[in-house]
Amino acid sequence: MEICRLPIKPYGRNCPVNMTLKNPDFARGVELFNHAHFFDAHEVLEDLWRPLPRDAPLRRHLQGMVQLAVAFHHESTGNYVGARSVLARALRNLDGAENSFPHVDLDRLRAELELWLRYLIRPPDTDKKHSRSGLDVRREAVPPMPRILARS
C-alpha cells in the first residue's frame, strides 16, 4: 500500500517564528494528540516540522511536539522504555518554547509530562513481582493523559 502525501513547499525566507492554534495543521495535530490518536498526531506535526530550516528555534520546539506524540504512541503499545526515552528528549526540545507556541499552556503541559516521566521510570509490569496476587497494583497510579491546551 502506498501512502500519498502532498508535496511540502520549503518555507525559505518566509519561515514562521511561531505556531499558533490558528494554524489549521498545527491545530489538527494538537486535536489528534488530545484525542489520543498519537500516531496520526505525529504524522501531522512531522509534516509541519520537516520543511523548517534546521537553525530555526521553531524547528526544535516543533520536534518536541512530534516527540510527545511518538512517546505516547510508544506508551500505548507497552514500549515503556521507548516512551520514557523519547519523552525525556521531547521535554528538552520544548525548553524555551514559549515564543514558538504563544497560545499553548506549556507550564501545565510540562507539569503533566513530568508526572508521566516519573511514572515511566517504573512501568506497570515492574510491580507484579511485588504483589501477592500478581495483579498490577499501580494501575490507579497512572497519571491522566496529558493535553495540549490553550493558555488561559
N, C-alpha and C. Protein backbone atom coordinates (compact mmCIF):
# COMPACT_ATOMS: atom_id res chain seq x y z
N MET A 1 0.84 -1.17 0.00
CA MET A 1 0.00 0.00 0.00
C MET A 1 0.89 1.24 0.00
N GLU A 2 0.60 2.15 -0.87
CA GLU A 2 1.40 3.37 -0.99
C GLU A 2 0.68 4.52 -0.31
N ILE A 3 1.44 5.29 0.44
CA ILE A 3 0.88 6.46 1.10
C ILE A 3 1.10 7.67 0.22
N CYS A 4 0.04 8.38 -0.07
CA CYS A 4 0.14 9.57 -0.91
C CYS A 4 0.27 10.79 -0.02
N ARG A 5 1.29 11.56 -0.25
CA ARG A 5 1.49 12.79 0.51
C ARG A 5 1.51 13.97 -0.44
N LEU A 6 0.96 15.05 0.02
CA LEU A 6 1.03 16.28 -0.77
C LEU A 6 2.46 16.82 -0.70
N PRO A 7 2.93 17.41 -1.77
CA PRO A 7 4.28 17.97 -1.71
C PRO A 7 4.34 19.11 -0.70
N ILE A 8 5.43 19.15 0.03
CA ILE A 8 5.62 20.20 1.03
C ILE A 8 6.55 21.25 0.47
N LYS A 9 6.10 22.49 0.49
CA LYS A 9 6.94 23.58 -0.01
C LYS A 9 7.85 24.05 1.11
N PRO A 10 9.13 24.21 0.82
CA PRO A 10 10.03 24.73 1.86
C PRO A 10 9.65 26.15 2.22
N TYR A 11 9.85 26.50 3.48
CA TYR A 11 9.48 27.83 3.95
C TYR A 11 10.40 28.91 3.41
N GLY A 12 11.67 28.58 3.25
CA GLY A 12 12.62 29.56 2.77
C GLY A 12 12.68 30.78 3.67
N ARG A 13 12.64 31.94 3.09
CA ARG A 13 12.74 33.19 3.87
C ARG A 13 11.47 33.50 4.63
N ASN A 14 10.38 32.86 4.26
CA ASN A 14 9.11 33.12 4.93
C ASN A 14 8.87 32.16 6.09
N CYS A 15 9.93 31.70 6.72
CA CYS A 15 9.83 30.76 7.82
C CYS A 15 9.08 31.38 8.98
N PRO A 16 8.03 30.70 9.47
CA PRO A 16 7.32 31.26 10.63
C PRO A 16 8.19 31.21 11.89
N VAL A 17 7.97 32.13 12.78
CA VAL A 17 8.74 32.14 14.02
C VAL A 17 7.95 31.49 15.15
N ASN A 18 6.62 31.32 14.93
CA ASN A 18 5.84 30.62 15.94
C ASN A 18 4.71 29.86 15.27
N MET A 19 4.07 29.03 16.07
CA MET A 19 2.98 28.20 15.58
C MET A 19 1.83 28.42 16.55
N THR A 20 0.72 28.91 16.05
CA THR A 20 -0.43 29.14 16.92
C THR A 20 -1.52 28.14 16.60
N LEU A 21 -2.49 28.08 17.46
CA LEU A 21 -3.61 27.17 17.24
C LEU A 21 -4.51 27.65 16.09
N LYS A 22 -4.22 28.84 15.55
CA LYS A 22 -4.94 29.32 14.37
C LYS A 22 -4.42 28.64 13.10
N ASN A 23 -3.21 28.07 13.17
CA ASN A 23 -2.68 27.32 12.03
C ASN A 23 -3.46 26.01 11.97
N PRO A 24 -4.20 25.76 10.86
CA PRO A 24 -5.07 24.58 10.82
C PRO A 24 -4.32 23.25 10.96
N ASP A 25 -3.11 23.16 10.43
CA ASP A 25 -2.36 21.91 10.54
C ASP A 25 -1.87 21.69 11.97
N PHE A 26 -1.40 22.74 12.61
CA PHE A 26 -0.97 22.63 14.00
C PHE A 26 -2.17 22.29 14.89
N ALA A 27 -3.28 23.00 14.68
CA ALA A 27 -4.50 22.73 15.45
C ALA A 27 -4.96 21.29 15.26
N ARG A 28 -4.84 20.77 14.06
CA ARG A 28 -5.23 19.37 13.78
C ARG A 28 -4.31 18.41 14.53
N GLY A 29 -3.01 18.66 14.51
CA GLY A 29 -2.07 17.81 15.23
C GLY A 29 -2.35 17.81 16.73
N VAL A 30 -2.65 18.98 17.28
CA VAL A 30 -2.97 19.11 18.70
C VAL A 30 -4.27 18.36 19.01
N GLU A 31 -5.27 18.53 18.15
CA GLU A 31 -6.55 17.84 18.35
C GLU A 31 -6.37 16.32 18.34
N LEU A 32 -5.58 15.83 17.39
CA LEU A 32 -5.32 14.39 17.34
C LEU A 32 -4.61 13.91 18.60
N PHE A 33 -3.62 14.67 19.05
CA PHE A 33 -2.91 14.32 20.28
C PHE A 33 -3.88 14.27 21.46
N ASN A 34 -4.70 15.31 21.59
CA ASN A 34 -5.62 15.40 22.71
C ASN A 34 -6.70 14.32 22.71
N HIS A 35 -6.91 13.70 21.57
CA HIS A 35 -7.87 12.59 21.46
C HIS A 35 -7.15 11.23 21.44
N ALA A 36 -5.87 11.24 21.83
CA ALA A 36 -5.06 10.02 21.95
C ALA A 36 -4.84 9.30 20.62
N HIS A 37 -4.88 10.04 19.52
CA HIS A 37 -4.53 9.49 18.21
C HIS A 37 -3.07 9.87 17.95
N PHE A 38 -2.19 9.27 18.74
CA PHE A 38 -0.80 9.71 18.80
C PHE A 38 -0.04 9.48 17.51
N PHE A 39 -0.26 8.35 16.85
CA PHE A 39 0.47 8.11 15.60
C PHE A 39 0.07 9.14 14.56
N ASP A 40 -1.23 9.40 14.43
CA ASP A 40 -1.70 10.39 13.45
C ASP A 40 -1.23 11.79 13.80
N ALA A 41 -1.22 12.13 15.10
CA ALA A 41 -0.72 13.45 15.52
C ALA A 41 0.74 13.60 15.13
N HIS A 42 1.51 12.55 15.33
CA HIS A 42 2.93 12.58 14.96
C HIS A 42 3.09 12.85 13.47
N GLU A 43 2.28 12.21 12.65
CA GLU A 43 2.36 12.40 11.20
C GLU A 43 2.06 13.85 10.80
N VAL A 44 0.99 14.41 11.35
CA VAL A 44 0.59 15.78 11.02
C VAL A 44 1.65 16.78 11.48
N LEU A 45 2.11 16.63 12.71
CA LEU A 45 3.10 17.57 13.25
C LEU A 45 4.45 17.42 12.55
N GLU A 46 4.79 16.21 12.18
CA GLU A 46 6.06 16.00 11.47
C GLU A 46 6.05 16.68 10.11
N ASP A 47 4.89 16.71 9.45
CA ASP A 47 4.79 17.40 8.17
C ASP A 47 5.01 18.90 8.32
N LEU A 48 4.68 19.47 9.47
CA LEU A 48 4.96 20.88 9.74
C LEU A 48 6.44 21.09 10.06
N TRP A 49 7.02 20.15 10.78
CA TRP A 49 8.40 20.24 11.26
C TRP A 49 9.42 20.08 10.13
N ARG A 50 9.18 19.11 9.26
CA ARG A 50 10.17 18.70 8.25
C ARG A 50 10.72 19.85 7.40
N PRO A 51 9.92 20.75 6.85
CA PRO A 51 10.48 21.78 5.96
C PRO A 51 11.12 22.98 6.65
N LEU A 52 11.03 23.05 7.97
CA LEU A 52 11.59 24.21 8.67
C LEU A 52 13.12 24.20 8.60
N PRO A 53 13.74 25.37 8.49
CA PRO A 53 15.20 25.44 8.48
C PRO A 53 15.79 24.86 9.77
N ARG A 54 16.88 24.14 9.64
CA ARG A 54 17.50 23.45 10.78
C ARG A 54 17.88 24.40 11.92
N ASP A 55 18.18 25.64 11.61
CA ASP A 55 18.62 26.57 12.66
C ASP A 55 17.46 27.36 13.29
N ALA A 56 16.24 27.10 12.87
CA ALA A 56 15.08 27.82 13.41
C ALA A 56 14.70 27.23 14.76
N PRO A 57 14.58 28.08 15.80
CA PRO A 57 14.14 27.56 17.11
C PRO A 57 12.79 26.83 17.03
N LEU A 58 11.91 27.31 16.15
CA LEU A 58 10.61 26.67 15.99
C LEU A 58 10.78 25.21 15.58
N ARG A 59 11.79 24.91 14.78
CA ARG A 59 12.01 23.53 14.34
C ARG A 59 12.27 22.62 15.53
N ARG A 60 13.15 23.04 16.44
CA ARG A 60 13.47 22.22 17.62
C ARG A 60 12.24 22.08 18.52
N HIS A 61 11.50 23.16 18.68
CA HIS A 61 10.32 23.11 19.53
C HIS A 61 9.22 22.24 18.92
N LEU A 62 9.05 22.34 17.61
CA LEU A 62 8.06 21.51 16.94
C LEU A 62 8.49 20.04 16.97
N GLN A 63 9.79 19.81 16.91
CA GLN A 63 10.29 18.44 17.05
C GLN A 63 9.90 17.89 18.43
N GLY A 64 9.93 18.74 19.45
CA GLY A 64 9.48 18.32 20.77
C GLY A 64 8.03 17.88 20.76
N MET A 65 7.18 18.59 20.03
CA MET A 65 5.76 18.21 19.93
C MET A 65 5.61 16.87 19.21
N VAL A 66 6.39 16.70 18.14
CA VAL A 66 6.37 15.42 17.41
C VAL A 66 6.79 14.30 18.36
N GLN A 67 7.84 14.54 19.13
CA GLN A 67 8.34 13.53 20.05
C GLN A 67 7.33 13.21 21.15
N LEU A 68 6.54 14.18 21.57
CA LEU A 68 5.47 13.90 22.55
C LEU A 68 4.51 12.86 21.99
N ALA A 69 4.10 13.08 20.75
CA ALA A 69 3.18 12.13 20.13
C ALA A 69 3.81 10.75 20.00
N VAL A 70 5.08 10.71 19.62
CA VAL A 70 5.78 9.43 19.49
C VAL A 70 5.89 8.74 20.85
N ALA A 71 6.24 9.51 21.89
CA ALA A 71 6.38 8.94 23.23
C ALA A 71 5.07 8.29 23.68
N PHE A 72 3.96 8.96 23.48
CA PHE A 72 2.69 8.41 23.94
C PHE A 72 2.18 7.31 23.03
N HIS A 73 2.60 7.30 21.78
CA HIS A 73 2.32 6.14 20.93
C HIS A 73 3.07 4.93 21.49
N HIS A 74 4.35 5.11 21.84
CA HIS A 74 5.12 4.02 22.45
C HIS A 74 4.43 3.53 23.73
N GLU A 75 4.02 4.44 24.57
CA GLU A 75 3.37 4.07 25.83
C GLU A 75 2.10 3.26 25.54
N SER A 76 1.35 3.66 24.54
CA SER A 76 0.09 2.97 24.23
C SER A 76 0.31 1.56 23.72
N THR A 77 1.50 1.26 23.23
CA THR A 77 1.80 -0.09 22.75
C THR A 77 2.60 -0.90 23.77
N GLY A 78 2.83 -0.32 24.96
CA GLY A 78 3.55 -1.03 26.01
C GLY A 78 5.06 -0.89 25.94
N ASN A 79 5.56 -0.04 25.06
CA ASN A 79 7.00 0.19 24.95
C ASN A 79 7.38 1.32 25.91
N TYR A 80 7.48 0.98 27.20
CA TYR A 80 7.72 1.98 28.23
C TYR A 80 9.13 2.56 28.18
N VAL A 81 10.10 1.74 27.81
CA VAL A 81 11.48 2.23 27.71
C VAL A 81 11.57 3.27 26.59
N GLY A 82 10.99 2.96 25.44
CA GLY A 82 10.97 3.91 24.33
C GLY A 82 10.20 5.17 24.67
N ALA A 83 9.06 5.00 25.35
CA ALA A 83 8.25 6.15 25.75
C ALA A 83 9.04 7.08 26.66
N ARG A 84 9.71 6.51 27.65
CA ARG A 84 10.49 7.31 28.61
C ARG A 84 11.61 8.06 27.90
N SER A 85 12.33 7.37 27.02
CA SER A 85 13.46 7.97 26.31
C SER A 85 13.01 9.13 25.42
N VAL A 86 11.98 8.90 24.64
CA VAL A 86 11.50 9.93 23.71
C VAL A 86 10.85 11.08 24.48
N LEU A 87 10.16 10.78 25.58
CA LEU A 87 9.54 11.83 26.37
C LEU A 87 10.60 12.75 26.98
N ALA A 88 11.70 12.18 27.45
CA ALA A 88 12.79 13.00 28.01
C ALA A 88 13.36 13.93 26.94
N ARG A 89 13.54 13.42 25.71
CA ARG A 89 14.04 14.26 24.62
C ARG A 89 13.03 15.34 24.25
N ALA A 90 11.74 14.99 24.28
CA ALA A 90 10.70 15.97 23.97
C ALA A 90 10.74 17.13 24.96
N LEU A 91 10.87 16.81 26.24
CA LEU A 91 10.94 17.87 27.25
C LEU A 91 12.14 18.77 27.03
N ARG A 92 13.27 18.19 26.67
CA ARG A 92 14.46 19.02 26.38
C ARG A 92 14.21 19.91 25.18
N ASN A 93 13.58 19.39 24.14
CA ASN A 93 13.33 20.18 22.94
C ASN A 93 12.24 21.23 23.13
N LEU A 94 11.40 21.06 24.12
CA LEU A 94 10.37 22.06 24.41
C LEU A 94 10.86 23.14 25.36
N ASP A 95 12.08 23.00 25.84
CA ASP A 95 12.65 24.01 26.72
C ASP A 95 12.74 25.34 25.97
N GLY A 96 12.15 26.38 26.53
CA GLY A 96 12.18 27.71 25.90
C GLY A 96 11.20 27.89 24.76
N ALA A 97 10.17 27.05 24.68
CA ALA A 97 9.24 27.08 23.54
C ALA A 97 8.11 28.09 23.69
N GLU A 98 8.15 28.94 24.70
CA GLU A 98 7.06 29.90 24.91
C GLU A 98 6.86 30.83 23.71
N ASN A 99 7.94 31.24 23.06
CA ASN A 99 7.79 32.11 21.88
C ASN A 99 7.31 31.34 20.66
N SER A 100 7.68 30.08 20.57
CA SER A 100 7.27 29.27 19.43
C SER A 100 5.79 28.89 19.49
N PHE A 101 5.27 28.71 20.70
CA PHE A 101 3.87 28.33 20.89
C PHE A 101 3.21 29.30 21.88
N PRO A 102 2.98 30.55 21.45
CA PRO A 102 2.50 31.57 22.38
C PRO A 102 1.12 31.29 22.97
N HIS A 103 0.31 30.47 22.33
CA HIS A 103 -1.04 30.22 22.83
C HIS A 103 -1.17 28.91 23.59
N VAL A 104 -0.07 28.16 23.72
CA VAL A 104 -0.12 26.86 24.40
C VAL A 104 0.30 27.02 25.86
N ASP A 105 -0.44 26.39 26.75
CA ASP A 105 -0.13 26.42 28.18
C ASP A 105 1.00 25.41 28.44
N LEU A 106 2.22 25.85 28.21
CA LEU A 106 3.38 24.96 28.34
C LEU A 106 3.69 24.63 29.80
N ASP A 107 3.39 25.53 30.74
CA ASP A 107 3.63 25.22 32.15
C ASP A 107 2.80 24.02 32.59
N ARG A 108 1.54 24.04 32.24
CA ARG A 108 0.65 22.92 32.59
C ARG A 108 1.10 21.65 31.88
N LEU A 109 1.42 21.75 30.60
CA LEU A 109 1.85 20.59 29.83
C LEU A 109 3.12 19.98 30.44
N ARG A 110 4.09 20.82 30.76
CA ARG A 110 5.34 20.31 31.36
C ARG A 110 5.08 19.61 32.69
N ALA A 111 4.18 20.17 33.51
CA ALA A 111 3.86 19.55 34.80
C ALA A 111 3.25 18.16 34.58
N GLU A 112 2.35 18.05 33.61
CA GLU A 112 1.73 16.76 33.31
C GLU A 112 2.77 15.77 32.78
N LEU A 113 3.69 16.26 31.95
CA LEU A 113 4.71 15.39 31.37
C LEU A 113 5.72 14.92 32.42
N GLU A 114 6.02 15.76 33.39
CA GLU A 114 6.92 15.36 34.47
C GLU A 114 6.33 14.19 35.27
N LEU A 115 5.02 14.23 35.49
CA LEU A 115 4.36 13.11 36.17
C LEU A 115 4.51 11.82 35.37
N TRP A 116 4.35 11.94 34.06
CA TRP A 116 4.49 10.77 33.20
C TRP A 116 5.93 10.26 33.18
N LEU A 117 6.87 11.17 33.16
CA LEU A 117 8.28 10.76 33.15
C LEU A 117 8.59 9.97 34.42
N ARG A 118 8.11 10.45 35.56
CA ARG A 118 8.32 9.72 36.82
C ARG A 118 7.61 8.37 36.80
N TYR A 119 6.41 8.35 36.26
CA TYR A 119 5.65 7.10 36.18
C TYR A 119 6.38 6.08 35.30
N LEU A 120 6.93 6.54 34.19
CA LEU A 120 7.58 5.63 33.25
C LEU A 120 8.92 5.10 33.73
N ILE A 121 9.45 5.67 34.80
CA ILE A 121 10.70 5.14 35.36
C ILE A 121 10.46 3.71 35.85
N ARG A 122 9.26 3.46 36.42
CA ARG A 122 8.89 2.11 36.84
C ARG A 122 7.56 1.76 36.18
N PRO A 123 7.59 1.23 34.97
CA PRO A 123 6.34 0.92 34.27
C PRO A 123 5.53 -0.15 35.01
N PRO A 124 4.27 -0.29 34.65
CA PRO A 124 3.36 -1.18 35.37
C PRO A 124 3.87 -2.61 35.56
N ASP A 125 4.51 -3.19 34.60
CA ASP A 125 4.95 -4.59 34.69
C ASP A 125 5.97 -4.82 35.81
N THR A 126 6.68 -3.80 36.25
CA THR A 126 7.74 -4.00 37.23
C THR A 126 7.22 -4.25 38.62
N ASP A 127 5.96 -3.93 38.90
CA ASP A 127 5.42 -4.12 40.25
C ASP A 127 4.76 -5.48 40.45
N LYS A 128 4.57 -6.26 39.41
CA LYS A 128 3.88 -7.54 39.54
C LYS A 128 4.58 -8.48 40.49
N LYS A 129 5.89 -8.50 40.49
CA LYS A 129 6.60 -9.43 41.36
C LYS A 129 6.49 -9.04 42.83
N HIS A 130 6.05 -7.80 43.12
CA HIS A 130 5.91 -7.35 44.50
C HIS A 130 4.48 -7.49 45.01
N SER A 131 3.59 -7.91 44.15
CA SER A 131 2.19 -8.06 44.53
C SER A 131 1.91 -9.53 44.82
N ARG A 132 1.20 -9.82 45.91
CA ARG A 132 0.89 -11.21 46.26
C ARG A 132 0.01 -11.88 45.23
N SER A 133 -0.92 -11.12 44.67
CA SER A 133 -1.86 -11.71 43.72
C SER A 133 -1.30 -11.75 42.30
N GLY A 134 -0.21 -11.06 42.06
CA GLY A 134 0.34 -11.00 40.70
C GLY A 134 -0.34 -9.94 39.85
N LEU A 135 -1.32 -9.25 40.42
CA LEU A 135 -2.01 -8.20 39.67
C LEU A 135 -1.17 -6.93 39.67
N ASP A 136 -1.37 -6.13 38.66
CA ASP A 136 -0.67 -4.86 38.58
C ASP A 136 -1.31 -3.89 39.56
N VAL A 137 -0.61 -3.61 40.67
CA VAL A 137 -1.17 -2.76 41.72
C VAL A 137 -1.02 -1.28 41.43
N ARG A 138 -0.32 -0.90 40.35
CA ARG A 138 -0.09 0.52 40.07
C ARG A 138 -1.10 1.11 39.11
N ARG A 139 -2.07 0.38 38.67
CA ARG A 139 -3.00 0.91 37.66
C ARG A 139 -3.63 2.23 38.09
N GLU A 140 -3.97 2.38 39.37
CA GLU A 140 -4.56 3.64 39.82
C GLU A 140 -3.55 4.78 39.79
N ALA A 141 -2.27 4.45 39.76
CA ALA A 141 -1.23 5.48 39.81
C ALA A 141 -0.92 6.07 38.43
N VAL A 142 -1.57 5.57 37.39
CA VAL A 142 -1.31 6.10 36.06
C VAL A 142 -1.77 7.55 36.00
N PRO A 143 -0.88 8.46 35.63
CA PRO A 143 -1.29 9.87 35.54
C PRO A 143 -2.34 10.06 34.45
N PRO A 144 -3.12 11.13 34.57
CA PRO A 144 -4.07 11.41 33.49
C PRO A 144 -3.30 11.72 32.20
N MET A 145 -3.88 11.38 31.09
CA MET A 145 -3.25 11.63 29.81
C MET A 145 -3.04 13.13 29.64
N PRO A 146 -1.84 13.53 29.24
CA PRO A 146 -1.59 14.97 29.07
C PRO A 146 -2.40 15.53 27.91
N ARG A 147 -2.66 16.81 27.99
CA ARG A 147 -3.38 17.50 26.91
C ARG A 147 -2.63 18.77 26.58
N ILE A 148 -2.64 19.10 25.32
CA ILE A 148 -2.06 20.35 24.86
C ILE A 148 -3.21 21.36 24.82
N LEU A 149 -3.18 22.31 25.75
CA LEU A 149 -4.30 23.24 25.89
C LEU A 149 -3.87 24.67 25.61
N ALA A 150 -4.86 25.47 25.27
CA ALA A 150 -4.60 26.91 25.07
C ALA A 150 -4.34 27.56 26.41
N ARG A 151 -3.49 28.55 26.39
CA ARG A 151 -3.19 29.33 27.59
C ARG A 151 -4.44 30.10 28.02
N SER A 152 -4.72 30.12 29.31
CA SER A 152 -5.94 30.83 29.76
C SER A 152 -5.64 32.26 30.11
